[in-house]
PDB file of N, CA and C in Angstrom:
ATOM      1  N   MET A   1       0.919  -1.248  -0.121  1.00  0.00           N
ATOM      2  CA  MET A   1       0.416  -0.263   0.043  1.00  0.00           C
ATOM      3  C   MET A   1       1.366   0.962  -0.024  1.00  0.00           C
ATOM      4  N   ASP A   2       0.315   2.223  -1.059  1.00  0.00           N
ATOM      5  CA  ASP A   2       1.262   3.383  -0.654  1.00  0.00           C
ATOM      6  C   ASP A   2       0.291   4.609  -0.955  1.00  0.00           C
ATOM      7  N   ASP A   3       0.601   5.524   0.546  1.00  0.00           N
ATOM      8  CA  ASP A   3      -0.239   6.716   0.763  1.00  0.00           C
ATOM      9  C   ASP A   3      -2.066   5.756   0.166  1.00  0.00           C
ATOM     10  N   LYS A   4      -2.575   6.244  -0.363  1.00  0.00           N
ATOM     11  CA  LYS A   4      -4.053   5.939  -0.927  1.00  0.00           C
ATOM     12  C   LYS A   4      -4.075   4.585  -1.559  1.00  0.00           C
ATOM     13  N   PHE A   5      -3.127   4.740  -1.747  1.00  0.00           N
ATOM     14  CA  PHE A   5      -3.235   3.148  -3.082  1.00  0.00           C
ATOM     15  C   PHE A   5      -2.939   2.011  -2.717  1.00  0.00           C
ATOM     16  N   LEU A   6      -3.455   1.082  -3.541  1.00  0.00           N
ATOM     17  CA  LEU A   6      -2.961  -0.185  -3.112  1.00  0.00           C
ATOM     18  C   LEU A   6      -3.060  -1.200  -4.364  1.00  0.00           C
ATOM     19  N   TYR A   7      -1.827  -1.798  -4.451  1.00  0.00           N
ATOM     20  CA  TYR A   7      -1.263  -2.376  -5.721  1.00  0.00           C
ATOM     21  C   TYR A   7      -0.769  -3.595  -5.384  1.00  0.00           C
ATOM     22  N   GLY A   8      -1.137  -4.791  -6.255  1.00  0.00           N
ATOM     23  CA  GLY A   8      -0.854  -6.066  -6.436  1.00  0.00           C
ATOM     24  C   GLY A   8      -0.945  -6.832  -7.313  1.00  0.00           C
ATOM     25  N   ASN A   9      -1.363  -8.076  -7.532  1.00  0.00           N
ATOM     26  CA  ASN A   9      -1.473  -8.810  -8.332  1.00  0.00           C
ATOM     27  C   ASN A   9      -2.333  -9.108  -8.720  1.00  0.00           C
ATOM     28  N   LEU A  10      -2.518  -9.916  -9.821  1.00  0.00           N
ATOM     29  CA  LEU A  10      -4.405 -10.494  -9.881  1.00  0.00           C
ATOM     30  C   LEU A  10      -3.529 -12.002 -11.091  1.00  0.00           C
ATOM     31  N   LYS A  11      -4.591 -13.017 -10.623  1.00  0.00           N
ATOM     32  CA  LYS A  11      -4.007 -14.843 -10.992  1.00  0.00           C
ATOM     33  C   LYS A  11      -5.358 -14.535 -11.440  1.00  0.00           C
ATOM     34  N   ILE A  12      -5.657 -14.851 -13.101  1.00  0.00           N
ATOM     35  CA  ILE A  12      -6.886 -15.358 -13.289  1.00  0.00           C
ATOM     36  C   ILE A  12      -7.103 -16.638 -13.923  1.00  0.00           C
ATOM     37  N   PHE A  13      -7.644 -17.818 -13.158  1.00  0.00           N
ATOM     38  CA  PHE A  13      -7.906 -19.363 -13.624  1.00  0.00           C
ATOM     39  C   PHE A  13      -8.094 -19.386 -14.517  1.00  0.00           C
ATOM     40  N   ASP A  14      -7.731 -20.388 -14.990  1.00  0.00           N
ATOM     41  CA  ASP A  14      -8.886 -20.931 -16.406  1.00  0.00           C
ATOM     42  C   ASP A  14      -9.616 -21.996 -15.887  1.00  0.00           C
ATOM     43  N   THR A  15     -10.519 -21.423 -15.301  1.00  0.00           N
ATOM     44  CA  THR A  15     -11.740 -21.593 -14.763  1.00  0.00           C
ATOM     45  C   THR A  15     -13.223 -21.138 -16.395  1.00  0.00           C
ATOM     46  N   PRO A  16     -13.910 -21.866 -16.523  1.00  0.00           N
ATOM     47  CA  PRO A  16     -15.315 -21.303 -17.413  1.00  0.00           C
ATOM     48  C   PRO A  16     -15.754 -19.506 -16.890  1.00  0.00           C
ATOM     49  N   SER A  17     -15.132 -19.320 -15.863  1.00  0.00           N
ATOM     50  CA  SER A  17     -15.317 -18.252 -15.513  1.00  0.00           C
ATOM     51  C   SER A  17     -14.348 -17.069 -15.871  1.00  0.00           C
ATOM     52  N   GLY A  18     -13.041 -17.677 -15.668  1.00  0.00           N
ATOM     53  CA  GLY A  18     -11.546 -17.252 -15.888  1.00  0.00           C
ATOM     54  C   GLY A  18     -11.468 -16.673 -17.567  1.00  0.00           C
ATOM     55  N   LYS A  19     -11.871 -17.871 -18.229  1.00  0.00           N
ATOM     56  CA  LYS A  19     -11.612 -17.959 -19.456  1.00  0.00           C
ATOM     57  C   LYS A  19     -12.682 -16.310 -19.513  1.00  0.00           C
ATOM     58  N   ILE A  20     -13.940 -16.270 -19.648  1.00  0.00           N
ATOM     59  CA  ILE A  20     -14.443 -15.170 -19.849  1.00  0.00           C
ATOM     60  C   ILE A  20     -13.882 -13.782 -19.661  1.00  0.00           C
ATOM     61  N   VAL A  21     -13.592 -13.525 -18.204  1.00  0.00           N
ATOM     62  CA  VAL A  21     -12.219 -12.910 -18.354  1.00  0.00           C
ATOM     63  C   VAL A  21     -11.520 -12.445 -19.187  1.00  0.00           C
ATOM     64  N   GLN A  22     -10.310 -13.559 -19.468  1.00  0.00           N
ATOM     65  CA  GLN A  22      -9.100 -13.588 -20.399  1.00  0.00           C
ATOM     66  C   GLN A  22      -9.846 -12.818 -21.575  1.00  0.00           C
ATOM     67  N   GLU A  23     -10.846 -13.512 -22.389  1.00  0.00           N
ATOM     68  CA  GLU A  23     -10.952 -13.355 -23.386  1.00  0.00           C
ATOM     69  C   GLU A  23     -11.610 -11.368 -23.470  1.00  0.00           C
ATOM     70  N   ILE A  24     -12.742 -11.315 -22.472  1.00  0.00           N
ATOM     71  CA  ILE A  24     -12.710  -9.925 -22.663  1.00  0.00           C
ATOM     72  C   ILE A  24     -11.570  -8.768 -22.693  1.00  0.00           C
ATOM     73  N   LEU A  25     -10.890  -9.046 -21.673  1.00  0.00           N
ATOM     74  CA  LEU A  25      -9.883  -8.504 -21.398  1.00  0.00           C
ATOM     75  C   LEU A  25      -9.063  -8.172 -22.782  1.00  0.00           C
ATOM     76  N   LYS A  26      -8.952  -8.675 -23.845  1.00  0.00           N
ATOM     77  CA  LYS A  26      -8.470  -9.058 -24.483  1.00  0.00           C
ATOM     78  C   LYS A  26      -8.950  -7.349 -25.699  1.00  0.00           C
ATOM     79  N   THR A  27     -10.087  -7.375 -25.980  1.00  0.00           N
ATOM     80  CA  THR A  27     -10.320  -6.331 -26.206  1.00  0.00           C
ATOM     81  C   THR A  27     -11.209  -5.050 -25.384  1.00  0.00           C
ATOM     82  N   THR A  28     -11.270  -5.742 -24.192  1.00  0.00           N
ATOM     83  CA  THR A  28     -12.262  -4.428 -23.411  1.00  0.00           C
ATOM     84  C   THR A  28     -11.479  -3.801 -21.758  1.00  0.00           C
ATOM     85  N   PRO A  29     -11.210  -2.632 -21.654  1.00  0.00           N
ATOM     86  CA  PRO A  29     -10.910  -2.667 -20.137  1.00  0.00           C
ATOM     87  C   PRO A  29     -11.480  -3.056 -19.355  1.00  0.00           C
ATOM     88  N   LEU A  30     -11.201  -3.761 -18.391  1.00  0.00           N
ATOM     89  CA  LEU A  30     -11.713  -4.000 -16.768  1.00  0.00           C
ATOM     90  C   LEU A  30     -10.968  -3.417 -15.758  1.00  0.00           C
ATOM     91  N   TYR A  31     -11.851  -3.122 -14.758  1.00  0.00           N
ATOM     92  CA  TYR A  31     -11.444  -2.230 -13.391  1.00  0.00           C
ATOM     93  C   TYR A  31     -11.875  -3.332 -12.154  1.00  0.00           C
ATOM     94  N   MET A  32     -11.167  -3.322 -11.002  1.00  0.00           N
ATOM     95  CA  MET A  32     -11.107  -3.852 -10.230  1.00  0.00           C
ATOM     96  C   MET A  32     -11.957  -3.003  -9.152  1.00  0.00           C
ATOM     97  N   ALA A  33     -12.708  -3.012  -8.422  1.00  0.00           N
ATOM     98  CA  ALA A  33     -13.823  -3.287  -7.562  1.00  0.00           C
ATOM     99  C   ALA A  33     -13.612  -3.363  -5.878  1.00  0.00           C
ATOM    100  N   SER A  34     -13.735  -2.996  -5.377  1.00  0.00           N
ATOM    101  CA  SER A  34     -13.525  -3.530  -3.492  1.00  0.00           C
ATOM    102  C   SER A  34     -14.544  -3.875  -2.880  1.00  0.00           C
ATOM    103  N   ARG A  35     -14.976  -4.918  -1.995  1.00  0.00           N
ATOM    104  CA  ARG A  35     -16.235  -4.970  -1.159  1.00  0.00           C
ATOM    105  C   ARG A  35     -15.390  -4.627   0.333  1.00  0.00           C
ATOM    106  N   GLY A  36     -16.641  -3.917   0.756  1.00  0.00           N
ATOM    107  CA  GLY A  36     -16.142  -4.116   2.364  1.00  0.00           C
ATOM    108  C   GLY A  36     -16.759  -3.589   3.291  1.00  0.00           C
ATOM    109  N   LEU A  37     -16.583  -4.009   4.790  1.00  0.00           N
ATOM    110  CA  LEU A  37     -17.349  -3.308   5.657  1.00  0.00           C
ATOM    111  C   LEU A  37     -16.435  -2.263   6.663  1.00  0.00           C
ATOM    112  N   GLY A  38     -17.617  -1.031   7.095  1.00  0.00           N
ATOM    113  CA  GLY A  38     -16.893  -0.577   7.969  1.00  0.00           C
ATOM    114  C   GLY A  38     -18.130   0.600   8.494  1.00  0.00           C
ATOM    115  N   GLU A  39     -17.472   1.842   8.770  1.00  0.00           N
ATOM    116  CA  GLU A  39     -18.211   2.506   9.776  1.00  0.00           C
ATOM    117  C   GLU A  39     -18.174   4.354   8.698  1.00  0.00           C
ATOM    118  N   ILE A  40     -19.347   4.747   8.755  1.00  0.00           N
ATOM    119  CA  ILE A  40     -19.169   6.176   8.428  1.00  0.00           C
ATOM    120  C   ILE A  40     -19.341   7.012   9.472  1.00  0.00           C
ATOM    121  N   ASP A  41     -18.523   8.104   9.266  1.00  0.00           N
ATOM    122  CA  ASP A  41     -18.615   8.925  10.349  1.00  0.00           C
ATOM    123  C   ASP A  41     -19.394  10.282   9.968  1.00  0.00           C
ATOM    124  N   GLU A  42     -19.603  11.225  10.844  1.00  0.00           N
ATOM    125  CA  GLU A  42     -20.583  12.474  11.001  1.00  0.00           C
ATOM    126  C   GLU A  42     -20.425  12.805   9.310  1.00  0.00           C
ATOM    127  N   ASN A  43     -19.279  13.099   8.655  1.00  0.00           N
ATOM    128  CA  ASN A  43     -18.624  13.788   7.445  1.00  0.00           C
ATOM    129  C   ASN A  43     -19.236  12.419   6.617  1.00  0.00           C
ATOM    130  N   GLY A  44     -19.543  11.539   6.535  1.00  0.00           N
ATOM    131  CA  GLY A  44     -20.263  10.550   5.393  1.00  0.00           C
ATOM    132  C   GLY A  44     -18.558   9.857   4.853  1.00  0.00           C
ATOM    133  N   ARG A  45     -17.531  10.298   5.546  1.00  0.00           N
ATOM    134  CA  ARG A  45     -16.683   9.226   5.393  1.00  0.00           C
ATOM    135  C   ARG A  45     -16.282   7.660   5.983  1.00  0.00           C
ATOM    136  N   VAL A  46     -16.345   6.890   5.217  1.00  0.00           N
ATOM    137  CA  VAL A  46     -16.009   5.039   5.550  1.00  0.00           C
ATOM    138  C   VAL A  46     -14.505   5.358   6.094  1.00  0.00           C
ATOM    139  N   LYS A  47     -14.464   4.844   7.840  1.00  0.00           N
ATOM    140  CA  LYS A  47     -13.449   4.895   8.673  1.00  0.00           C
ATOM    141  C   LYS A  47     -13.705   3.365   9.249  1.00  0.00           C
ATOM    142  N   ASP A  48     -12.555   3.112   9.463  1.00  0.00           N
ATOM    143  CA  ASP A  48     -12.125   1.279  10.080  1.00  0.00           C
ATOM    144  C   ASP A  48     -12.670   0.636   8.523  1.00  0.00           C
ATOM    145  N   ILE A  49     -12.156   0.684   8.207  1.00  0.00           N
ATOM    146  CA  ILE A  49     -12.798  -0.425   6.321  1.00  0.00           C
ATOM    147  C   ILE A  49     -11.990  -1.129   6.681  1.00  0.00           C
ATOM    148  N   ASN A  50     -12.596  -2.772   6.674  1.00  0.00           N
ATOM    149  CA  ASN A  50     -12.324  -4.141   6.258  1.00  0.00           C
ATOM    150  C   ASN A  50     -12.585  -4.395   4.749  1.00  0.00           C
ATOM    151  N   ILE A  51     -11.906  -5.124   4.275  1.00  0.00           N
ATOM    152  CA  ILE A  51     -12.109  -5.131   2.889  1.00  0.00           C
ATOM    153  C   ILE A  51     -11.875  -6.486   2.441  1.00  0.00           C
ATOM    154  N   ILE A  52     -13.341  -6.809   2.021  1.00  0.00           N
ATOM    155  CA  ILE A  52     -13.836  -8.373   2.037  1.00  0.00           C
ATOM    156  C   ILE A  52     -13.183  -9.251   0.637  1.00  0.00           C
ATOM    157  N   SER A  53     -13.638  -8.449  -0.448  1.00  0.00           N
ATOM    158  CA  SER A  53     -12.954  -9.081  -1.182  1.00  0.00           C
ATOM    159  C   SER A  53     -12.908  -7.667  -2.511  1.00  0.00           C
ATOM    160  N   PHE A  54     -12.190  -8.258  -3.587  1.00  0.00           N
ATOM    161  CA  PHE A  54     -12.441  -7.724  -4.638  1.00  0.00           C
ATOM    162  C   PHE A  54     -12.964  -8.453  -5.523  1.00  0.00           C
ATOM    163  N   ASP A  55     -13.249  -7.313  -6.915  1.00  0.00           N
ATOM    164  CA  ASP A  55     -14.063  -7.997  -8.085  1.00  0.00           C
ATOM    165  C   ASP A  55     -13.750  -7.206  -9.549  1.00  0.00           C
ATOM    166  N   ILE A  56     -14.060  -7.762 -10.246  1.00  0.00           N
ATOM    167  CA  ILE A  56     -13.523  -7.348 -11.802  1.00  0.00           C
ATOM    168  C   ILE A  56     -14.923  -6.975 -12.281  1.00  0.00           C
ATOM    169  N   VAL A  57     -14.816  -5.692 -12.992  1.00  0.00           N
ATOM    170  CA  VAL A  57     -16.032  -5.545 -13.688  1.00  0.00           C
ATOM    171  C   VAL A  57     -15.868  -4.379 -14.439  1.00  0.00           C
ATOM    172  N   LEU A  58     -16.381  -4.268 -15.335  1.00  0.00           N
ATOM    173  CA  LEU A  58     -17.260  -3.750 -16.724  1.00  0.00           C
ATOM    174  C   LEU A  58     -16.614  -2.219 -16.540  1.00  0.00           C
ATOM    175  N   GLU A  59     -17.063  -1.657 -15.106  1.00  0.00           N
ATOM    176  CA  GLU A  59     -16.892   0.102 -14.920  1.00  0.00           C
ATOM    177  C   GLU A  59     -16.556   0.261 -13.851  1.00  0.00           C
ATOM    178  N   GLY A  60     -15.433   0.854 -13.635  1.00  0.00           N
ATOM    179  CA  GLY A  60     -15.367   1.071 -12.729  1.00  0.00           C
ATOM    180  C   GLY A  60     -15.276   2.304 -11.487  1.00  0.00           C
ATOM    181  N   GLY A  61     -15.166   2.971 -10.359  1.00  0.00           N
ATOM    182  CA  GLY A  61     -15.887   3.519  -9.568  1.00  0.00           C
ATOM    183  C   GLY A  61     -14.904   5.139 -10.074  1.00  0.00           C
ATOM    184  N   PHE A  62     -13.413   4.541 -11.005  1.00  0.00           N
ATOM    185  CA  PHE A  62     -12.205   5.705 -10.734  1.00  0.00           C
ATOM    186  C   PHE A  62     -11.650   5.728 -11.359  1.00  0.00           C
ATOM    187  N   GLU A  63     -11.082   5.863 -12.426  1.00  0.00           N
ATOM    188  CA  GLU A  63     -10.036   5.729 -13.423  1.00  0.00           C
ATOM    189  C   GLU A  63      -8.493   4.469 -12.833  1.00  0.00           C
ATOM    190  N   ASN A  64      -8.262   5.001 -11.568  1.00  0.00           N
ATOM    191  CA  ASN A  64      -6.959   4.147 -10.736  1.00  0.00           C
ATOM    192  C   ASN A  64      -7.164   2.582 -10.529  1.00  0.00           C
ATOM    193  N   CYS A  65      -8.199   2.360 -11.143  1.00  0.00           N
ATOM    194  CA  CYS A  65      -8.457   0.701 -10.352  1.00  0.00           C
ATOM    195  C   CYS A  65      -8.761  -0.135 -12.165  1.00  0.00           C
ATOM    196  N   LYS A  66      -8.180   0.626 -13.172  1.00  0.00           N
ATOM    197  CA  LYS A  66      -8.197  -0.123 -14.488  1.00  0.00           C
ATOM    198  C   LYS A  66      -6.847  -1.161 -14.420  1.00  0.00           C
ATOM    199  N   ILE A  67      -7.613  -2.315 -14.969  1.00  0.00           N
ATOM    200  CA  ILE A  67      -6.507  -3.502 -14.629  1.00  0.00           C
ATOM    201  C   ILE A  67      -5.781  -2.882 -15.858  1.00  0.00           C
ATOM    202  N   ASN A  68      -4.123  -3.186 -15.335  1.00  0.00           N
ATOM    203  CA  ASN A  68      -3.433  -3.089 -16.778  1.00  0.00           C
ATOM    204  C   ASN A  68      -2.524  -4.792 -16.881  1.00  0.00           C
ATOM    205  N   GLY A  69      -2.848  -4.884 -18.373  1.00  0.00           N
ATOM    206  CA  GLY A  69      -1.868  -6.560 -18.457  1.00  0.00           C
ATOM    207  C   GLY A  69      -2.523  -7.103 -19.466  1.00  0.00           C
TER     208      GLY A  69
END
């Protein structure tokens, strides 16, 4: 983790769903989205977040979540 960014590697397995993702990535940009639990403070910001999982999505919530590769 670097300041407010999280970097990592992604392994897409040769499962039926993984093969679909591999084919889509050949022609279409994909993004990562996180799912988590946390508390919302009085300013509407999430604090003490606990990331549960990451999902591959067609439309990311922000540009920096684009999958490279």
